[in-house]
């Protein structure tokens, strides 16, 4: 997607102010464990994320959507030490707790975007910032999106203002196998490691269909869909042999590490989650068969405008559909989309529907994108209540990204990633008023000192785009 013009970004960020850096200077790094011959997912660039210190917080008398399918009226949510402590009516709180009167407000888990390119295609959209596609080979599982992330991207702050507390940043879709994606906590920081979600598995980005054909058709291939599949098979066959030798140990495991095969072996092992850009139902079925051939699991198909055609198979195989509310028809493989797509994937027993952005603008209003789905489903006779729809942008992406044990729902013990809305988050008038990340109020619509601003925008005149 094209980045927003700088003038528009400036308007969106009007009135913002800096907040303290998440990771203090000199914070201790968690040392990476020594890699074993078969440890394909060892991390030499570990997270240095540290939650911002914050007092206990008691959100009182709100309508609460827990993300588990439950809606509570006139309920309280207690946050302490970065975690959710309790949810219910009339909760007690420590004497030093900050009490927030949330009458008439709605409280939800923080929004999670499973498909973002913030930081790797940051704003302003200039060639120097084009770091999302390594178009030097159709198979580049050795590249990691995290090594392209620019933490000063103004898009992180505007996403936070839209309630986004976690996001998966992926490489682009030019390649058959584009590389590893990384999950971030949406906090202001100087380095990407200070944003890196502790313990989150990597995602492997793959793409089928038109994009690899278009990019490589005149550059040595693949030039056809059958060439695409041949390319996947060759890559995974090589990785499977590499994996076998590494696990065997001894002389078979000797020799230099192959970083391409490390990533693919990690996917086969189940340590790296596979996310596939794929539009057509027939191609998704082929990719499911490819996964069976080589023993890996697909976490989610992304974009999937024809996911509704195989919704039952996706549910049966535990594969999520990370989809747009109403984007379709902009190229041949996206032509057969319908606006009820997400609702039909969601309504199958066991179905896992996700609303994603793939856009630095759309990420600012994922709640509104989900609201479109509710409206379109309603016109088709499918009634979807808010307590169900909230899962599309909270618990379901957390599940597909492998972070659902830590976030995505409001349950005791989980990270206190929470949004306070001015009303029903699926209303046209909905705004995130307060956003908490690990219990710290990092964004407040009514407090300019709690509105993060990228270092890149400091000193710029927000009314003219010039420099003060």
Protein backbone atom coordinates (compact mmCIF):
# COMPACT_ATOMS: atom_id res chain seq x y z
CA UNK A 1 0.00 0.00 0.00
CA UNK A 2 1.15 3.55 -0.64
CA UNK A 3 2.18 5.56 2.46
CA UNK A 4 0.14 8.55 3.58
CA UNK A 5 1.39 11.96 2.43
CA UNK A 6 3.54 13.60 5.08
CA UNK A 7 1.07 16.47 5.42
CA UNK A 8 -1.74 14.06 6.24
CA UNK A 9 0.42 12.25 8.76
CA UNK A 10 1.22 15.57 10.38
CA UNK A 11 -2.48 16.31 10.78
CA UNK A 12 -3.11 12.88 12.29
CA UNK A 13 -0.34 13.44 14.77
CA UNK A 14 -1.34 16.96 15.76
CA UNK A 15 -0.99 17.75 19.42
CA UNK A 16 1.25 14.76 20.14
CA UNK A 17 4.13 14.78 22.60
CA UNK A 18 6.98 12.46 23.40
CA UNK A 19 6.71 9.78 26.08
CA UNK A 20 9.60 8.12 27.92
CA UNK A 21 11.58 5.55 26.00
CA UNK A 22 10.38 2.06 26.88
CA UNK A 23 13.79 0.54 27.45
CA UNK A 24 16.12 2.54 29.71
CA UNK A 25 19.58 3.21 28.36
CA UNK A 26 21.90 0.44 29.39
CA UNK A 27 19.09 -2.02 30.10
CA UNK A 28 20.36 -5.56 30.38
CA UNK A 29 19.92 -7.74 27.32
CA UNK A 30 18.76 -11.28 27.72
CA UNK A 31 21.67 -13.35 26.40
CA UNK A 32 20.85 -15.68 23.56
CA UNK A 33 21.14 -19.34 24.46
CA UNK A 34 23.95 -21.22 22.70
CA UNK A 35 22.61 -22.66 19.48
CA UNK A 36 22.36 -26.43 19.20
CA UNK A 37 22.84 -28.17 15.85
CA UNK A 38 19.06 -28.60 15.63
CA UNK A 39 17.96 -25.33 17.24
CA UNK A 40 16.65 -23.67 14.10
CA UNK A 41 14.86 -20.89 15.99
CA UNK A 42 17.64 -19.61 18.26
CA UNK A 43 17.53 -15.82 18.54
CA UNK A 44 20.83 -13.91 18.36
CA UNK A 45 18.86 -10.63 18.44
CA UNK A 46 16.74 -11.10 21.58
CA UNK A 47 14.09 -8.76 22.87
CA UNK A 48 15.16 -6.02 25.27
CA UNK A 49 11.56 -4.93 25.86
CA UNK A 50 10.76 -3.73 29.37
CA UNK A 51 7.26 -2.57 30.34
CA UNK A 52 6.89 1.03 31.42
CA UNK A 53 6.48 1.25 35.20
CA UNK A 54 2.93 2.18 36.12
CA UNK A 55 0.69 2.29 39.20
CA UNK A 56 -2.29 -0.06 39.57
CA UNK A 57 -5.30 1.02 37.51
CA UNK A 58 -8.97 0.31 38.17
CA UNK A 59 -11.30 0.86 35.20
CA UNK A 60 -14.78 1.13 36.68
CA UNK A 61 -18.38 0.68 35.49
CA UNK A 62 -17.61 -0.09 31.84
CA UNK A 63 -19.11 -2.38 29.23
CA UNK A 64 -16.35 -4.97 28.87
CA UNK A 65 -15.71 -7.20 25.86
CA UNK A 66 -13.28 -9.80 27.14
CA UNK A 67 -12.30 -11.25 23.75
CA UNK A 68 -13.44 -14.68 24.92
CA UNK A 69 -16.98 -14.22 23.60
CA UNK A 70 -18.26 -12.63 26.81
CA UNK A 71 -19.78 -9.18 27.31
CA UNK A 72 -20.04 -7.75 30.82
CA UNK A 73 -22.11 -4.71 31.78
CA UNK A 74 -21.18 -2.28 34.56
CA UNK A 75 -17.92 -4.17 35.13
CA UNK A 76 -14.50 -3.23 36.49
CA UNK A 77 -11.05 -4.23 35.24
CA UNK A 78 -8.06 -4.15 37.61
CA UNK A 79 -4.55 -3.78 36.17
CA UNK A 80 -1.45 -4.18 38.32
CA UNK A 81 2.23 -4.94 37.73
CA UNK A 82 1.64 -5.08 34.00
CA UNK A 83 -1.01 -7.78 34.24
CA UNK A 84 -4.76 -8.10 34.41
CA UNK A 85 -5.62 -9.00 37.99
CA UNK A 86 -9.40 -9.27 37.98
CA UNK A 87 -12.57 -8.50 36.02
CA UNK A 88 -15.99 -8.15 37.58
CA UNK A 89 -18.39 -5.87 39.43
CA UNK A 90 -17.37 -3.80 42.45
CA UNK A 91 -13.71 -4.80 42.51
CA UNK A 92 -11.45 -3.74 45.35
CA UNK A 93 -8.24 -1.96 44.43
CA UNK A 94 -5.02 -0.97 46.23
CA UNK A 95 -5.00 2.46 47.84
CA UNK A 96 -2.51 3.75 45.28
CA UNK A 97 -4.57 2.64 42.28
CA UNK A 98 -5.58 5.17 39.64
CA UNK A 99 -9.35 4.97 39.35
CA UNK A 100 -10.84 5.63 35.91
CA UNK A 101 -14.57 6.34 35.69
CA UNK A 102 -15.53 4.38 32.59
CA UNK A 103 -19.30 4.86 32.77
CA UNK A 104 -20.63 4.87 29.24
CA UNK A 105 -17.26 3.60 27.95
CA UNK A 106 -16.38 0.22 26.50
CA UNK A 107 -13.24 -1.69 27.42
CA UNK A 108 -11.61 -4.27 25.15
CA UNK A 109 -8.30 -6.08 24.79
CA UNK A 110 -5.68 -4.17 22.82
CA UNK A 111 -6.07 -4.56 19.08
CA UNK A 112 -3.60 -6.88 17.35
CA UNK A 113 -2.76 -6.51 13.65
CA UNK A 114 -1.47 -9.76 12.20
CA UNK A 115 -0.37 -8.23 8.89
CA UNK A 116 1.52 -4.95 8.96
CA UNK A 117 4.47 -3.42 7.14
CA UNK A 118 5.03 -0.56 9.57
CA UNK A 119 8.72 0.10 10.02
CA UNK A 120 9.77 -1.78 6.89
CA UNK A 121 7.73 0.47 4.59
CA UNK A 122 7.58 3.51 6.86
CA UNK A 123 6.36 7.01 6.16
CA UNK A 124 7.37 9.10 4.32
CA UNK A 125 7.18 6.69 1.40
CA UNK A 126 10.51 7.30 -0.28
CA UNK A 127 12.82 4.81 -1.98
CA UNK A 128 15.26 4.99 0.91
CA UNK A 129 12.52 3.48 3.09
CA UNK A 130 11.65 0.60 0.74
CA UNK A 131 12.96 -2.21 2.95
CA UNK A 132 10.12 -4.74 2.86
CA UNK A 133 10.89 -6.89 -0.21
CA UNK A 134 14.26 -8.55 -0.81
CA UNK A 135 13.73 -8.98 -4.57
CA UNK A 136 17.06 -10.61 -5.32
CA UNK A 137 15.76 -14.18 -5.41
CA UNK A 138 12.31 -15.78 -5.32
CA UNK A 139 13.28 -17.72 -2.17
CA UNK A 140 14.74 -15.61 0.65
CA UNK A 141 13.80 -17.24 3.97
CA UNK A 142 17.17 -16.08 5.30
CA UNK A 143 16.04 -12.44 5.58
CA UNK A 144 14.29 -11.16 8.71
CA UNK A 145 11.86 -8.24 8.61
CA UNK A 146 13.07 -7.07 12.01
CA UNK A 147 16.40 -6.06 10.48
CA UNK A 148 14.58 -3.52 8.30
CA UNK A 149 12.38 -1.96 10.97
CA UNK A 150 12.73 1.79 11.52
CA UNK A 151 11.32 2.44 15.00
CA UNK A 152 10.79 6.13 14.17
CA UNK A 153 8.05 5.34 11.67
CA UNK A 154 5.22 7.79 12.55
CA UNK A 155 2.77 5.01 11.74
CA UNK A 156 3.43 3.28 15.06
CA UNK A 157 2.04 6.25 16.97
CA UNK A 158 -1.03 6.63 14.77
CA UNK A 159 -1.70 2.89 15.13
CA UNK A 160 -1.47 3.24 18.92
CA UNK A 161 -4.07 6.00 18.75
CA UNK A 162 -6.31 3.47 17.01
CA UNK A 163 -5.95 0.99 19.87
CA UNK A 164 -3.24 -1.25 18.38
CA UNK A 165 -1.03 -2.67 21.14
CA UNK A 166 0.72 -5.50 19.24
CA UNK A 167 1.43 -6.15 15.58
CA UNK A 168 3.21 -8.60 13.33
CA UNK A 169 5.51 -6.90 10.83
CA UNK A 170 6.04 -9.04 7.74
CA UNK A 171 8.19 -8.84 4.62
CA UNK A 172 6.32 -7.99 1.44
CA UNK A 173 4.82 -10.46 -1.03
CA UNK A 174 7.18 -10.26 -4.02
CA UNK A 175 8.79 -13.62 -3.27
CA UNK A 176 7.63 -17.21 -3.01
CA UNK A 177 9.21 -17.25 0.43
CA UNK A 178 9.88 -13.73 1.64
CA UNK A 179 11.48 -14.25 5.03
CA UNK A 180 10.70 -14.03 8.73
CA UNK A 181 8.22 -11.60 10.24
CA UNK A 182 8.44 -10.32 13.80
CA UNK A 183 5.87 -9.48 16.47
CA UNK A 184 6.20 -6.13 18.23
CA UNK A 185 4.69 -4.43 21.24
CA UNK A 186 3.52 -1.05 19.97
CA UNK A 187 5.63 1.15 22.21
CA UNK A 188 7.95 4.10 21.51
CA UNK A 189 11.55 2.91 21.40
CA UNK A 190 14.92 3.59 19.85
CA UNK A 191 15.63 0.03 18.68
CA UNK A 192 13.40 -2.67 17.30
CA UNK A 193 14.65 -5.05 20.01
CA UNK A 194 13.06 -2.73 22.58
CA UNK A 195 9.72 -3.29 20.79
CA UNK A 196 10.14 -7.02 20.21
CA UNK A 197 7.39 -9.05 21.88
CA UNK A 198 9.16 -11.29 24.41
CA UNK A 199 8.89 -14.95 23.51
CA UNK A 200 6.72 -14.47 20.41
CA UNK A 201 7.48 -16.96 17.63
CA UNK A 202 8.54 -15.67 14.25
CA UNK A 203 6.19 -15.82 11.31
CA UNK A 204 7.39 -17.07 7.92
CA UNK A 205 5.94 -15.00 5.08
CA UNK A 206 5.12 -16.84 1.87
CA UNK A 207 3.17 -15.71 -1.18
CA UNK A 208 1.36 -17.53 -3.95
CA UNK A 209 -0.25 -16.40 -7.16
CA UNK A 210 0.36 -13.29 -9.19
CA UNK A 211 2.98 -11.37 -7.20
CA UNK A 212 5.93 -13.78 -7.56
CA UNK A 213 4.98 -14.38 -11.20
CA UNK A 214 4.93 -10.67 -11.95
CA UNK A 215 8.23 -9.93 -10.18
CA UNK A 216 10.25 -12.90 -11.45
CA UNK A 217 8.56 -13.79 -14.74
CA UNK A 218 11.10 -11.72 -16.69
CA UNK A 219 14.00 -12.39 -14.32
CA UNK A 220 14.54 -16.12 -14.62
CA UNK A 221 11.32 -17.32 -13.04
CA UNK A 222 9.09 -18.55 -11.73
CA UNK A 223 6.81 -17.28 -14.47
CA UNK A 224 3.77 -19.49 -13.85
CA UNK A 225 1.76 -20.86 -10.95
CA UNK A 226 3.20 -24.31 -11.58
CA UNK A 227 6.62 -22.70 -11.36
CA UNK A 228 5.63 -21.20 -8.04
CA UNK A 229 4.72 -24.59 -6.58
CA UNK A 230 7.87 -26.18 -7.97
CA UNK A 231 9.85 -23.44 -6.22
CA UNK A 232 8.19 -24.09 -2.83
CA UNK A 233 8.75 -27.83 -3.15
CA UNK A 234 12.41 -27.49 -4.07
CA UNK A 235 13.04 -25.16 -1.13
CA UNK A 236 11.27 -27.34 1.45
CA UNK A 237 12.81 -30.55 0.09
CA UNK A 238 16.27 -29.07 0.54
CA UNK A 239 15.38 -27.84 4.02
CA UNK A 240 14.00 -31.24 5.03
CA UNK A 241 17.28 -32.91 4.05
CA UNK A 242 19.28 -30.22 5.87
CA UNK A 243 17.09 -30.67 8.93
CA UNK A 244 17.56 -34.43 8.87
CA UNK A 245 21.35 -34.08 8.78
CA UNK A 246 21.42 -31.46 11.54
CA UNK A 247 19.29 -33.52 13.85
CA UNK A 248 21.38 -36.61 13.20
CA UNK A 249 24.47 -34.90 14.67
CA UNK A 250 28.00 -36.15 14.12
CA UNK A 251 29.67 -35.62 10.77
CA UNK A 252 26.30 -35.21 9.06
CA UNK A 253 25.70 -32.04 11.08
CA UNK A 254 29.08 -30.48 10.40
CA UNK A 255 29.55 -27.53 8.11
CA UNK A 256 28.37 -23.96 8.13
CA UNK A 257 24.86 -22.97 9.06
CA UNK A 258 22.50 -22.36 6.15
CA UNK A 259 20.23 -19.52 7.21
CA UNK A 260 17.70 -20.17 4.46
CA UNK A 261 17.28 -23.75 5.56
CA UNK A 262 17.30 -22.80 9.24
CA UNK A 263 14.12 -20.80 8.73
CA UNK A 264 12.38 -23.47 6.66
CA UNK A 265 13.45 -26.20 9.09
CA UNK A 266 12.07 -24.06 11.91
CA UNK A 267 8.76 -23.96 10.07
CA UNK A 268 8.74 -27.74 9.57
CA UNK A 269 9.60 -28.14 13.25
CA UNK A 270 6.65 -25.95 14.23
CA UNK A 271 8.83 -23.28 15.86
CA UNK A 272 8.16 -20.67 13.15
CA UNK A 273 4.57 -19.97 12.12
CA UNK A 274 3.71 -19.97 8.42
CA UNK A 275 1.66 -17.06 7.05
CA UNK A 276 0.73 -17.17 3.37
CA UNK A 277 -0.41 -14.33 1.12
CA UNK A 278 -2.96 -16.15 -1.04
CA UNK A 279 -6.20 -15.02 -2.69
CA UNK A 280 -7.83 -17.91 -4.57
CA UNK A 281 -9.51 -20.89 -2.95
CA UNK A 282 -7.86 -23.38 -5.32
CA UNK A 283 -4.40 -22.03 -4.49
CA UNK A 284 -5.09 -22.13 -0.77
CA UNK A 285 -6.07 -25.79 -1.17
CA UNK A 286 -2.80 -26.44 -3.00
CA UNK A 287 -0.82 -24.76 -0.22
CA UNK A 288 -2.63 -26.89 2.38
CA UNK A 289 -1.51 -29.96 0.44
CA UNK A 290 2.04 -28.59 0.24
CA UNK A 291 2.03 -28.21 4.02
CA UNK A 292 0.98 -31.83 4.40
CA UNK A 293 3.70 -32.97 1.99
CA UNK A 294 6.46 -31.39 4.06
CA UNK A 295 4.91 -31.56 7.52
CA UNK A 296 4.47 -27.90 8.39
CA UNK A 297 1.38 -26.11 9.71
CA UNK A 298 -0.14 -23.01 8.14
CA UNK A 299 -1.13 -20.49 10.80
CA UNK A 300 -3.14 -18.24 8.50
CA UNK A 301 -3.90 -17.36 4.92
CA UNK A 302 -3.69 -13.61 4.42
CA UNK A 303 -5.98 -11.57 2.14
CA UNK A 304 -7.83 -14.71 0.95
CA UNK A 305 -10.75 -13.06 -0.82
CA UNK A 306 -12.05 -16.54 -1.70
CA UNK A 307 -11.64 -17.99 1.80
CA UNK A 308 -15.43 -18.31 2.06
CA UNK A 309 -15.31 -21.06 -0.58
CA UNK A 310 -13.19 -23.32 1.64
CA UNK A 311 -14.25 -22.05 5.07
CA UNK A 312 -15.11 -25.57 6.23
CA UNK A 313 -11.67 -26.93 5.29
CA UNK A 314 -9.88 -24.01 6.95
CA UNK A 315 -11.81 -24.66 10.16
CA UNK A 316 -11.21 -28.43 10.00
CA UNK A 317 -7.45 -27.90 9.62
CA UNK A 318 -7.21 -25.13 12.21
CA UNK A 319 -6.10 -22.46 9.74
CA UNK A 320 -7.14 -18.84 10.26
CA UNK A 321 -8.25 -16.46 7.54
CA UNK A 322 -6.62 -13.04 7.98
CA UNK A 323 -8.80 -11.00 5.68
CA UNK A 324 -9.93 -7.55 4.58
CA UNK A 325 -13.44 -6.35 5.22
CA UNK A 326 -14.12 -5.26 1.64
CA UNK A 327 -10.99 -5.02 -0.51
CA UNK A 328 -11.36 -7.03 -3.70
CA UNK A 329 -11.33 -6.76 -7.50
CA UNK A 330 -8.04 -4.87 -7.88
CA UNK A 331 -6.36 -7.72 -9.78
CA UNK A 332 -7.52 -10.95 -11.36
CA UNK A 333 -6.82 -13.22 -8.40
CA UNK A 334 -8.82 -10.90 -6.12
CA UNK A 335 -11.78 -10.62 -8.44
CA UNK A 336 -14.17 -13.11 -6.83
CA UNK A 337 -14.44 -11.47 -3.42
CA UNK A 338 -17.62 -10.88 -1.44
CA UNK A 339 -18.22 -8.56 1.51
CA UNK A 340 -19.51 -11.44 3.65
CA UNK A 341 -16.18 -13.27 3.39
CA UNK A 342 -15.08 -12.81 7.01
CA UNK A 343 -18.55 -13.55 8.38
CA UNK A 344 -18.74 -16.83 6.46
CA UNK A 345 -15.28 -17.92 7.65
CA UNK A 346 -16.28 -16.98 11.20
CA UNK A 347 -19.63 -18.77 11.30
CA UNK A 348 -18.24 -22.26 10.51
CA UNK A 349 -17.80 -24.20 13.79
CA UNK A 350 -14.14 -23.84 14.70
CA UNK A 351 -13.62 -21.06 12.17
CA UNK A 352 -10.94 -18.46 12.88
CA UNK A 353 -11.57 -15.13 11.18
CA UNK A 354 -9.21 -12.16 11.50
CA UNK A 355 -9.50 -8.59 10.26
CA UNK A 356 -6.06 -7.38 9.18
CA UNK A 357 -4.78 -4.16 7.67
CA UNK A 358 -1.79 -4.53 5.29
CA UNK A 359 -1.96 -0.74 5.39
CA UNK A 360 -0.41 2.08 7.39
CA UNK A 361 -3.76 3.83 7.16
CA UNK A 362 -6.10 0.89 7.75
CA UNK A 363 -4.25 -0.13 10.91
CA UNK A 364 -5.53 3.08 12.51
CA UNK A 365 -9.15 1.89 12.35
CA UNK A 366 -9.27 -1.89 12.44
CA UNK A 367 -12.32 -1.58 14.70
CA UNK A 368 -14.11 0.26 11.88
CA UNK A 369 -13.04 -2.41 9.39
CA UNK A 370 -14.58 -5.02 11.68
CA UNK A 371 -17.72 -2.87 11.91
CA UNK A 372 -18.05 -3.06 8.11
CA UNK A 373 -18.11 -6.86 8.39
CA UNK A 374 -20.87 -6.71 11.02
CA UNK A 375 -22.92 -4.44 8.75
CA UNK A 376 -22.41 -6.51 5.61
CA UNK A 377 -23.21 -9.71 7.47
CA UNK A 378 -26.35 -8.13 8.88
CA UNK A 379 -27.58 -7.29 5.39
CA UNK A 380 -27.12 -10.97 4.52
CA UNK A 381 -29.14 -12.05 7.56
CA UNK A 382 -26.17 -12.97 9.77
CA UNK A 383 -26.35 -11.20 13.13
CA UNK A 384 -22.95 -10.80 14.81
CA UNK A 385 -22.83 -9.27 18.30
CA UNK A 386 -19.86 -7.13 19.46
CA UNK A 387 -18.64 -9.79 21.88
CA UNK A 388 -18.07 -12.13 18.93
CA UNK A 389 -16.70 -9.59 16.47
CA UNK A 390 -14.05 -8.28 18.89
CA UNK A 391 -12.25 -11.62 18.55
CA UNK A 392 -11.43 -10.80 14.91
CA UNK A 393 -9.02 -8.09 16.03
CA UNK A 394 -7.86 -9.45 19.41
CA UNK A 395 -7.91 -13.12 20.38
CA UNK A 396 -7.93 -14.66 16.90
CA UNK A 397 -4.81 -12.85 15.64
CA UNK A 398 -3.14 -13.61 18.97
CA UNK A 399 -3.90 -17.29 18.41
CA UNK A 400 -2.50 -17.33 14.87
CA UNK A 401 0.62 -15.45 15.98
CA UNK A 402 1.26 -17.77 18.94
CA UNK A 403 0.91 -15.08 21.62
CA UNK A 404 -2.57 -15.97 22.90
CA UNK A 405 -1.19 -17.25 26.20
CA UNK A 406 0.01 -13.71 26.92
CA UNK A 407 -2.42 -11.31 25.27
CA UNK A 408 -5.53 -11.01 23.10
CA UNK A 409 -8.12 -11.44 25.86
CA UNK A 410 -8.96 -9.80 29.16
CA UNK A 411 -8.27 -12.62 31.59
CA UNK A 412 -6.43 -12.64 34.93
CA UNK A 413 -2.70 -13.18 34.48
CA UNK A 414 -2.49 -11.91 30.92
CA UNK A 415 -0.67 -8.79 29.79
CA UNK A 416 -2.64 -5.65 30.63
CA UNK A 417 -3.00 -4.58 26.99
CA UNK A 418 -6.29 -2.70 27.16
CA UNK A 419 -8.27 -0.06 25.26
CA UNK A 420 -10.91 2.25 26.72
CA UNK A 421 -13.30 3.41 23.98
CA UNK A 422 -15.69 6.35 24.11
CA UNK A 423 -18.54 3.95 23.27
CA UNK A 424 -19.22 0.84 21.24
CA UNK A 425 -15.95 0.22 19.34
CA UNK A 426 -17.99 -0.83 16.30
CA UNK A 427 -19.78 2.50 16.06
CA UNK A 428 -18.92 4.99 13.31
CA UNK A 429 -18.14 7.46 16.08
CA UNK A 430 -15.83 5.17 18.07
CA UNK A 431 -12.51 6.52 19.29
CA UNK A 432 -9.87 4.97 21.50
CA UNK A 433 -9.65 7.32 24.49
CA UNK A 434 -7.01 5.47 26.50
CA UNK A 435 -4.60 2.72 25.46
CA UNK A 436 -2.67 0.68 28.01
CA UNK A 437 0.30 -1.52 27.13
CA UNK A 438 1.31 -3.83 29.99
CA UNK A 439 -0.75 -1.66 32.32
CA UNK A 440 0.95 1.63 31.37
CA UNK A 441 -1.24 4.37 29.88
CA UNK A 442 0.78 5.10 26.77
CA UNK A 443 -1.97 6.95 24.92
CA UNK A 444 -4.68 9.30 26.16
CA UNK A 445 -6.75 11.25 23.63
CA UNK A 446 -7.37 14.01 26.18
CA UNK A 447 -3.80 14.32 27.48
CA UNK A 448 -1.19 15.63 25.02
CA UNK A 449 1.61 14.36 27.27
CA UNK A 450 0.32 10.82 26.62
CA UNK A 451 0.33 11.01 22.85
CA UNK A 452 3.59 9.58 21.49
CA UNK A 453 5.27 11.33 18.61
CA UNK A 454 7.97 9.95 16.36
CA UNK A 455 11.41 11.52 16.65
CA UNK A 456 11.17 11.98 12.88
CA UNK A 457 8.37 14.52 13.35
CA UNK A 458 9.95 16.51 16.16
CA UNK A 459 10.52 20.11 15.11
CA UNK A 460 8.20 19.91 12.12
CA UNK A 461 5.32 22.35 11.75
CA UNK A 462 2.24 20.15 11.85
CA UNK A 463 0.13 22.72 10.01
CA UNK A 464 2.37 23.26 6.99
CA UNK A 465 4.70 20.26 6.97
CA UNK A 466 7.65 22.63 7.26
CA UNK A 467 10.28 23.04 9.94
CA UNK A 468 9.76 25.41 12.85
